[in-house]
Amino acid sequence: MNLNIVVYSKSACPQCDSAKMLLSSRALEFKEIRIDDEAERLAFFEKCGPSVRQMPQVFINDQRVGGLTGLQAALAQLGR
């Protein structure tokens, strides 16, 4: 099963780095989209929903799984 994984991140973000390292350690390919501009990040958060206010935000097959904790849970559920 191929996974389309997109990681929305920002610079100098330890949680973002941990999410990317987790994916790399499991040999899972992903696309990273950096949102370093504050205004762009706030606009992105608005699209995700009112409860989203942190980075990273990870999407698997176009479904938001959340940040690092959500990614870990989604990978466990997928058996990855």
PDB file of N, CA and C in Angstrom:
ATOM      1  N   MET A   1       0.845  -1.186   0.000  1.00  0.00           N
ATOM      2  CA  MET A   1       0.000   0.000   0.000  1.00  0.00           C
ATOM      3  C   MET A   1       0.889   1.248   0.000  1.00  0.00           C
ATOM      4  N   ASN A   2       0.781   2.053  -1.025  1.00  0.00           N
ATOM      5  CA  ASN A   2       1.538   3.290  -1.095  1.00  0.00           C
ATOM      6  C   ASN A   2       0.854   4.363  -0.266  1.00  0.00           C
ATOM      7  N   LEU A   3       1.659   5.104   0.470  1.00  0.00           N
ATOM      8  CA  LEU A   3       1.140   6.188   1.287  1.00  0.00           C
ATOM      9  C   LEU A   3       1.611   7.510   0.707  1.00  0.00           C
ATOM     10  N   ASN A   4       0.687   8.424   0.533  1.00  0.00           N
ATOM     11  CA  ASN A   4       1.018   9.770   0.107  1.00  0.00           C
ATOM     12  C   ASN A   4       1.103  10.610   1.375  1.00  0.00           C
ATOM     13  N   ILE A   5       2.343  10.898   1.820  1.00  0.00           N
ATOM     14  CA  ILE A   5       2.552  11.588   3.087  1.00  0.00           C
ATOM     15  C   ILE A   5       3.082  12.989   2.810  1.00  0.00           C
ATOM     16  N   VAL A   6       2.422  13.983   3.403  1.00  0.00           N
ATOM     17  CA  VAL A   6       2.859  15.373   3.287  1.00  0.00           C
ATOM     18  C   VAL A   6       3.023  15.927   4.696  1.00  0.00           C
ATOM     19  N   VAL A   7       4.198  16.514   4.947  1.00  0.00           N
ATOM     20  CA  VAL A   7       4.509  17.111   6.243  1.00  0.00           C
ATOM     21  C   VAL A   7       4.606  18.618   6.061  1.00  0.00           C
ATOM     22  N   TYR A   8       3.713  19.344   6.698  1.00  0.00           N
ATOM     23  CA  TYR A   8       3.781  20.801   6.715  1.00  0.00           C
ATOM     24  C   TYR A   8       4.594  21.171   7.950  1.00  0.00           C
ATOM     25  N   SER A   9       5.687  21.898   7.740  1.00  0.00           N
ATOM     26  CA  SER A   9       6.595  22.182   8.838  1.00  0.00           C
ATOM     27  C   SER A   9       7.067  23.629   8.796  1.00  0.00           C
ATOM     28  N   LYS A  10       7.880  23.978   9.795  1.00  0.00           N
ATOM     29  CA  LYS A  10       8.524  25.294   9.824  1.00  0.00           C
ATOM     30  C   LYS A  10       9.960  25.091  10.293  1.00  0.00           C
ATOM     31  N   SER A  11      10.790  26.074  10.061  1.00  0.00           N
ATOM     32  CA  SER A  11      12.195  26.015  10.477  1.00  0.00           C
ATOM     33  C   SER A  11      12.304  26.059  11.998  1.00  0.00           C
ATOM     34  N   ALA A  12      13.394  25.506  12.495  1.00  0.00           N
ATOM     35  CA  ALA A  12      13.698  25.526  13.928  1.00  0.00           C
ATOM     36  C   ALA A  12      12.560  24.967  14.769  1.00  0.00           C
ATOM     37  N   CYS A  13      12.030  23.841  14.334  1.00  0.00           N
ATOM     38  CA  CYS A  13      10.898  23.200  15.021  1.00  0.00           C
ATOM     39  C   CYS A  13      11.306  21.777  15.397  1.00  0.00           C
ATOM     40  N   PRO A  14      11.599  21.519  16.673  1.00  0.00           N
ATOM     41  CA  PRO A  14      12.015  20.184  17.094  1.00  0.00           C
ATOM     42  C   PRO A  14      10.966  19.105  16.806  1.00  0.00           C
ATOM     43  N   GLN A  15       9.692  19.446  16.964  1.00  0.00           N
ATOM     44  CA  GLN A  15       8.620  18.477  16.688  1.00  0.00           C
ATOM     45  C   GLN A  15       8.597  18.117  15.202  1.00  0.00           C
ATOM     46  N   CYS A  16       8.814  19.120  14.351  1.00  0.00           N
ATOM     47  CA  CYS A  16       8.854  18.891  12.902  1.00  0.00           C
ATOM     48  C   CYS A  16      10.009  17.963  12.551  1.00  0.00           C
ATOM     49  N   ASP A  17      11.182  18.242  13.144  1.00  0.00           N
ATOM     50  CA  ASP A  17      12.359  17.407  12.892  1.00  0.00           C
ATOM     51  C   ASP A  17      12.124  15.974  13.351  1.00  0.00           C
ATOM     52  N   SER A  18      11.469  15.798  14.488  1.00  0.00           N
ATOM     53  CA  SER A  18      11.186  14.452  15.003  1.00  0.00           C
ATOM     54  C   SER A  18      10.245  13.696  14.084  1.00  0.00           C
ATOM     55  N   ALA A  19       9.234  14.372  13.557  1.00  0.00           N
ATOM     56  CA  ALA A  19       8.288  13.722  12.645  1.00  0.00           C
ATOM     57  C   ALA A  19       9.001  13.272  11.371  1.00  0.00           C
ATOM     58  N   LYS A  20       9.854  14.127  10.835  1.00  0.00           N
ATOM     59  CA  LYS A  20      10.593  13.782   9.610  1.00  0.00           C
ATOM     60  C   LYS A  20      11.577  12.641   9.865  1.00  0.00           C
ATOM     61  N   MET A  21      12.234  12.651  11.038  1.00  0.00           N
ATOM     62  CA  MET A  21      13.161  11.566  11.376  1.00  0.00           C
ATOM     63  C   MET A  21      12.420  10.241  11.536  1.00  0.00           C
ATOM     64  N   LEU A  22      11.232  10.288  12.129  1.00  0.00           N
ATOM     65  CA  LEU A  22      10.428   9.081  12.293  1.00  0.00           C
ATOM     66  C   LEU A  22      10.093   8.479  10.931  1.00  0.00           C
ATOM     67  N   LEU A  23       9.641   9.313  10.013  1.00  0.00           N
ATOM     68  CA  LEU A  23       9.300   8.821   8.675  1.00  0.00           C
ATOM     69  C   LEU A  23      10.531   8.275   7.958  1.00  0.00           C
ATOM     70  N   SER A  24      11.632   8.972   8.057  1.00  0.00           N
ATOM     71  CA  SER A  24      12.863   8.523   7.401  1.00  0.00           C
ATOM     72  C   SER A  24      13.362   7.212   7.995  1.00  0.00           C
ATOM     73  N   SER A  25      13.259   7.071   9.320  1.00  0.00           N
ATOM     74  CA  SER A  25      13.738   5.850   9.974  1.00  0.00           C
ATOM     75  C   SER A  25      12.923   4.624   9.563  1.00  0.00           C
ATOM     76  N   ARG A  26      11.716   4.862   9.104  1.00  0.00           N
ATOM     77  CA  ARG A  26      10.860   3.758   8.652  1.00  0.00           C
ATOM     78  C   ARG A  26      10.839   3.646   7.131  1.00  0.00           C
ATOM     79  N   ALA A  27      11.761   4.366   6.486  1.00  0.00           N
ATOM     80  CA  ALA A  27      11.910   4.345   5.023  1.00  0.00           C
ATOM     81  C   ALA A  27      10.611   4.712   4.306  1.00  0.00           C
ATOM     82  N   LEU A  28       9.881   5.661   4.883  1.00  0.00           N
ATOM     83  CA  LEU A  28       8.645   6.136   4.269  1.00  0.00           C
ATOM     84  C   LEU A  28       8.928   7.457   3.566  1.00  0.00           C
ATOM     85  N   GLU A  29       8.624   7.510   2.285  1.00  0.00           N
ATOM     86  CA  GLU A  29       8.819   8.741   1.535  1.00  0.00           C
ATOM     87  C   GLU A  29       7.749   9.753   1.906  1.00  0.00           C
ATOM     88  N   PHE A  30       8.144  11.019   1.926  1.00  0.00           N
ATOM     89  CA  PHE A  30       7.201  12.079   2.241  1.00  0.00           C
ATOM     90  C   PHE A  30       7.617  13.350   1.524  1.00  0.00           C
ATOM     91  N   LYS A  31       6.652  14.225   1.368  1.00  0.00           N
ATOM     92  CA  LYS A  31       6.899  15.545   0.801  1.00  0.00           C
ATOM     93  C   LYS A  31       6.828  16.538   1.949  1.00  0.00           C
ATOM     94  N   GLU A  32       7.818  17.416   2.025  1.00  0.00           N
ATOM     95  CA  GLU A  32       7.807  18.442   3.065  1.00  0.00           C
ATOM     96  C   GLU A  32       7.447  19.782   2.444  1.00  0.00           C
ATOM     97  N   ILE A  33       6.523  20.474   3.097  1.00  0.00           N
ATOM     98  CA  ILE A  33       6.156  21.824   2.692  1.00  0.00           C
ATOM     99  C   ILE A  33       6.425  22.729   3.884  1.00  0.00           C
ATOM    100  N   ARG A  34       7.394  23.608   3.717  1.00  0.00           N
ATOM    101  CA  ARG A  34       7.752  24.526   4.802  1.00  0.00           C
ATOM    102  C   ARG A  34       6.897  25.777   4.741  1.00  0.00           C
ATOM    103  N   ILE A  35       6.381  26.152   5.889  1.00  0.00           N
ATOM    104  CA  ILE A  35       5.597  27.387   6.006  1.00  0.00           C
ATOM    105  C   ILE A  35       6.255  28.222   7.097  1.00  0.00           C
ATOM    106  N   ASP A  36       7.247  29.008   6.701  1.00  0.00           N
ATOM    107  CA  ASP A  36       7.971  29.827   7.670  1.00  0.00           C
ATOM    108  C   ASP A  36       7.348  31.204   7.867  1.00  0.00           C
ATOM    109  N   ASP A  37       6.576  31.656   6.913  1.00  0.00           N
ATOM    110  CA  ASP A  37       5.931  32.967   7.032  1.00  0.00           C
ATOM    111  C   ASP A  37       4.743  32.864   7.985  1.00  0.00           C
ATOM    112  N   GLU A  38       4.713  33.713   8.985  1.00  0.00           N
ATOM    113  CA  GLU A  38       3.660  33.666  10.021  1.00  0.00           C
ATOM    114  C   GLU A  38       2.262  33.832   9.435  1.00  0.00           C
ATOM    115  N   ALA A  39       2.093  34.760   8.504  1.00  0.00           N
ATOM    116  CA  ALA A  39       0.777  34.987   7.898  1.00  0.00           C
ATOM    117  C   ALA A  39       0.323  33.761   7.107  1.00  0.00           C
ATOM    118  N   GLU A  40       1.243  33.155   6.364  1.00  0.00           N
ATOM    119  CA  GLU A  40       0.904  31.934   5.616  1.00  0.00           C
ATOM    120  C   GLU A  40       0.539  30.803   6.563  1.00  0.00           C
ATOM    121  N   ARG A  41       1.275  30.693   7.674  1.00  0.00           N
ATOM    122  CA  ARG A  41       1.000  29.639   8.643  1.00  0.00           C
ATOM    123  C   ARG A  41      -0.378  29.824   9.272  1.00  0.00           C
ATOM    124  N   LEU A  42      -0.730  31.047   9.627  1.00  0.00           N
ATOM    125  CA  LEU A  42      -2.055  31.310  10.206  1.00  0.00           C
ATOM    126  C   LEU A  42      -3.161  30.986   9.204  1.00  0.00           C
ATOM    127  N   ALA A  43      -2.950  31.309   7.938  1.00  0.00           N
ATOM    128  CA  ALA A  43      -3.930  30.975   6.898  1.00  0.00           C
ATOM    129  C   ALA A  43      -4.055  29.456   6.756  1.00  0.00           C
ATOM    130  N   PHE A  44      -2.942  28.754   6.832  1.00  0.00           N
ATOM    131  CA  PHE A  44      -2.957  27.289   6.766  1.00  0.00           C
ATOM    132  C   PHE A  44      -3.736  26.711   7.945  1.00  0.00           C
ATOM    133  N   PHE A  45      -3.489  27.239   9.156  1.00  0.00           N
ATOM    134  CA  PHE A  45      -4.207  26.768  10.338  1.00  0.00           C
ATOM    135  C   PHE A  45      -5.716  26.962  10.176  1.00  0.00           C
ATOM    136  N   GLU A  46      -6.119  28.083   9.602  1.00  0.00           N
ATOM    137  CA  GLU A  46      -7.544  28.351   9.384  1.00  0.00           C
ATOM    138  C   GLU A  46      -8.176  27.293   8.490  1.00  0.00           C
ATOM    139  N   LYS A  47      -7.445  26.845   7.473  1.00  0.00           N
ATOM    140  CA  LYS A  47      -7.965  25.814   6.566  1.00  0.00           C
ATOM    141  C   LYS A  47      -8.097  24.471   7.272  1.00  0.00           C
ATOM    142  N   CYS A  48      -7.200  24.208   8.245  1.00  0.00           N
ATOM    143  CA  CYS A  48      -7.205  22.919   8.941  1.00  0.00           C
ATOM    144  C   CYS A  48      -8.321  22.810   9.972  1.00  0.00           C
ATOM    145  N   GLY A  49      -8.707  23.925  10.551  1.00  0.00           N
ATOM    146  CA  GLY A  49      -9.760  23.891  11.559  1.00  0.00           C
ATOM    147  C   GLY A  49      -9.368  24.664  12.796  1.00  0.00           C
ATOM    148  N   PRO A  50     -10.331  24.976  13.638  1.00  0.00           N
ATOM    149  CA  PRO A  50     -10.093  25.860  14.787  1.00  0.00           C
ATOM    150  C   PRO A  50      -9.162  25.278  15.854  1.00  0.00           C
ATOM    151  N   SER A  51      -9.011  23.970  15.910  1.00  0.00           N
ATOM    152  CA  SER A  51      -8.176  23.385  16.957  1.00  0.00           C
ATOM    153  C   SER A  51      -6.706  23.258  16.551  1.00  0.00           C
ATOM    154  N   VAL A  52      -6.389  23.570  15.303  1.00  0.00           N
ATOM    155  CA  VAL A  52      -5.017  23.409  14.810  1.00  0.00           C
ATOM    156  C   VAL A  52      -4.241  24.702  15.010  1.00  0.00           C
ATOM    157  N   ARG A  53      -3.157  24.604  15.807  1.00  0.00           N
ATOM    158  CA  ARG A  53      -2.351  25.793  16.078  1.00  0.00           C
ATOM    159  C   ARG A  53      -0.874  25.479  16.233  1.00  0.00           C
ATOM    160  N   GLN A  54      -0.441  24.304  15.783  1.00  0.00           N
ATOM    161  CA  GLN A  54       0.969  23.971  15.932  1.00  0.00           C
ATOM    162  C   GLN A  54       1.496  23.220  14.731  1.00  0.00           C
ATOM    163  N   MET A  55       2.803  23.173  14.634  1.00  0.00           N
ATOM    164  CA  MET A  55       3.490  22.442  13.583  1.00  0.00           C
ATOM    165  C   MET A  55       4.223  21.285  14.225  1.00  0.00           C
ATOM    166  N   PRO A  56       4.429  20.204  13.522  1.00  0.00           N
ATOM    167  CA  PRO A  56       4.046  19.959  12.141  1.00  0.00           C
ATOM    168  C   PRO A  56       2.587  19.556  12.039  1.00  0.00           C
ATOM    169  N   GLN A  57       2.091  19.578  10.819  1.00  0.00           N
ATOM    170  CA  GLN A  57       0.795  18.985  10.509  1.00  0.00           C
ATOM    171  C   GLN A  57       1.070  17.962   9.412  1.00  0.00           C
ATOM    172  N   VAL A  58       0.654  16.739   9.665  1.00  0.00           N
ATOM    173  CA  VAL A  58       0.952  15.641   8.756  1.00  0.00           C
ATOM    174  C   VAL A  58      -0.345  15.137   8.135  1.00  0.00           C
ATOM    175  N   PHE A  59      -0.283  14.926   6.836  1.00  0.00           N
ATOM    176  CA  PHE A  59      -1.405  14.383   6.085  1.00  0.00           C
ATOM    177  C   PHE A  59      -0.969  13.072   5.457  1.00  0.00           C
ATOM    178  N   ILE A  60      -1.790  12.043   5.599  1.00  0.00           N
ATOM    179  CA  ILE A  60      -1.552  10.760   4.944  1.00  0.00           C
ATOM    180  C   ILE A  60      -2.739  10.492   4.043  1.00  0.00           C
ATOM    181  N   ASN A  61      -2.446  10.344   2.751  1.00  0.00           N
ATOM    182  CA  ASN A  61      -3.496  10.140   1.741  1.00  0.00           C
ATOM    183  C   ASN A  61      -4.584  11.210   1.856  1.00  0.00           C
ATOM    184  N   ASP A  62      -4.151  12.460   1.959  1.00  0.00           N
ATOM    185  CA  ASP A  62      -5.019  13.644   2.004  1.00  0.00           C
ATOM    186  C   ASP A  62      -5.863  13.760   3.262  1.00  0.00           C
ATOM    187  N   GLN A  63      -5.576  12.963   4.283  1.00  0.00           N
ATOM    188  CA  GLN A  63      -6.306  13.056   5.543  1.00  0.00           C
ATOM    189  C   GLN A  63      -5.344  13.533   6.633  1.00  0.00           C
ATOM    190  N   ARG A  64      -5.729  14.580   7.349  1.00  0.00           N
ATOM    191  CA  ARG A  64      -4.863  15.108   8.404  1.00  0.00           C
ATOM    192  C   ARG A  64      -4.841  14.156   9.585  1.00  0.00           C
ATOM    193  N   VAL A  65      -3.620  13.767   9.992  1.00  0.00           N
ATOM    194  CA  VAL A  65      -3.475  12.901  11.159  1.00  0.00           C
ATOM    195  C   VAL A  65      -3.004  13.700  12.369  1.00  0.00           C
ATOM    196  N   GLY A  66      -2.594  14.955  12.139  1.00  0.00           N
ATOM    197  CA  GLY A  66      -2.176  15.819  13.234  1.00  0.00           C
ATOM    198  C   GLY A  66      -0.676  15.999  13.259  1.00  0.00           C
ATOM    199  N   GLY A  67      -0.137  16.178  14.469  1.00  0.00           N
ATOM    200  CA  GLY A  67       1.285  16.411  14.645  1.00  0.00           C
ATOM    201  C   GLY A  67       2.042  15.122  14.867  1.00  0.00           C
ATOM    202  N   LEU A  68       3.114  15.197  15.641  1.00  0.00           N
ATOM    203  CA  LEU A  68       3.977  14.046  15.874  1.00  0.00           C
ATOM    204  C   LEU A  68       3.227  12.897  16.536  1.00  0.00           C
ATOM    205  N   THR A  69       2.446  13.188  17.562  1.00  0.00           N
ATOM    206  CA  THR A  69       1.696  12.138  18.253  1.00  0.00           C
ATOM    207  C   THR A  69       0.673  11.494  17.327  1.00  0.00           C
ATOM    208  N   GLY A  70      -0.016  12.301  16.542  1.00  0.00           N
ATOM    209  CA  GLY A  70      -0.981  11.769  15.581  1.00  0.00           C
ATOM    210  C   GLY A  70      -0.318  10.918  14.520  1.00  0.00           C
ATOM    211  N   LEU A  71       0.875  11.324  14.096  1.00  0.00           N
ATOM    212  CA  LEU A  71       1.633  10.542  13.116  1.00  0.00           C
ATOM    213  C   LEU A  71       2.018   9.192  13.696  1.00  0.00           C
ATOM    214  N   GLN A  72       2.507   9.191  14.924  1.00  0.00           N
ATOM    215  CA  GLN A  72       2.876   7.924  15.563  1.00  0.00           C
ATOM    216  C   GLN A  72       1.675   6.982  15.655  1.00  0.00           C
ATOM    217  N   ALA A  73       0.526   7.515  16.043  1.00  0.00           N
ATOM    218  CA  ALA A  73      -0.692   6.697  16.158  1.00  0.00           C
ATOM    219  C   ALA A  73      -1.129   6.177  14.795  1.00  0.00           C
ATOM    220  N   ALA A  74      -1.072   7.037  13.772  1.00  0.00           N
ATOM    221  CA  ALA A  74      -1.502   6.618  12.433  1.00  0.00           C
ATOM    222  C   ALA A  74      -0.595   5.533  11.883  1.00  0.00           C
ATOM    223  N   LEU A  75       0.715   5.669  12.097  1.00  0.00           N
ATOM    224  CA  LEU A  75       1.645   4.648  11.617  1.00  0.00           C
ATOM    225  C   LEU A  75       1.437   3.316  12.342  1.00  0.00           C
ATOM    226  N   ALA A  76       1.157   3.383  13.641  1.00  0.00           N
ATOM    227  CA  ALA A  76       0.881   2.162  14.391  1.00  0.00           C
ATOM    228  C   ALA A  76      -0.374   1.484  13.861  1.00  0.00           C
ATOM    229  N   GLN A  77      -1.390   2.283  13.571  1.00  0.00           N
ATOM    230  CA  GLN A  77      -2.641   1.740  13.055  1.00  0.00           C
ATOM    231  C   GLN A  77      -2.441   1.119  11.668  1.00  0.00           C
ATOM    232  N   LEU A  78      -1.538   1.702  10.882  1.00  0.00           N
ATOM    233  CA  LEU A  78      -1.257   1.192   9.542  1.00  0.00           C
ATOM    234  C   LEU A  78      -0.246   0.042   9.566  1.00  0.00           C
ATOM    235  N   GLY A  79       0.279  -0.266  10.741  1.00  0.00           N
ATOM    236  CA  GLY A  79       1.261  -1.329  10.841  1.00  0.00           C
ATOM    237  C   GLY A  79       2.609  -0.949  10.266  1.00  0.00           C
ATOM    238  N   ARG A  80       2.925   0.319  10.319  1.00  0.00           N
ATOM    239  CA  ARG A  80       4.201   0.809   9.782  1.00  0.00           C
ATOM    240  C   ARG A  80       5.078   1.186  10.911  1.00  0.00           C
TER     241      ARG A  80
END
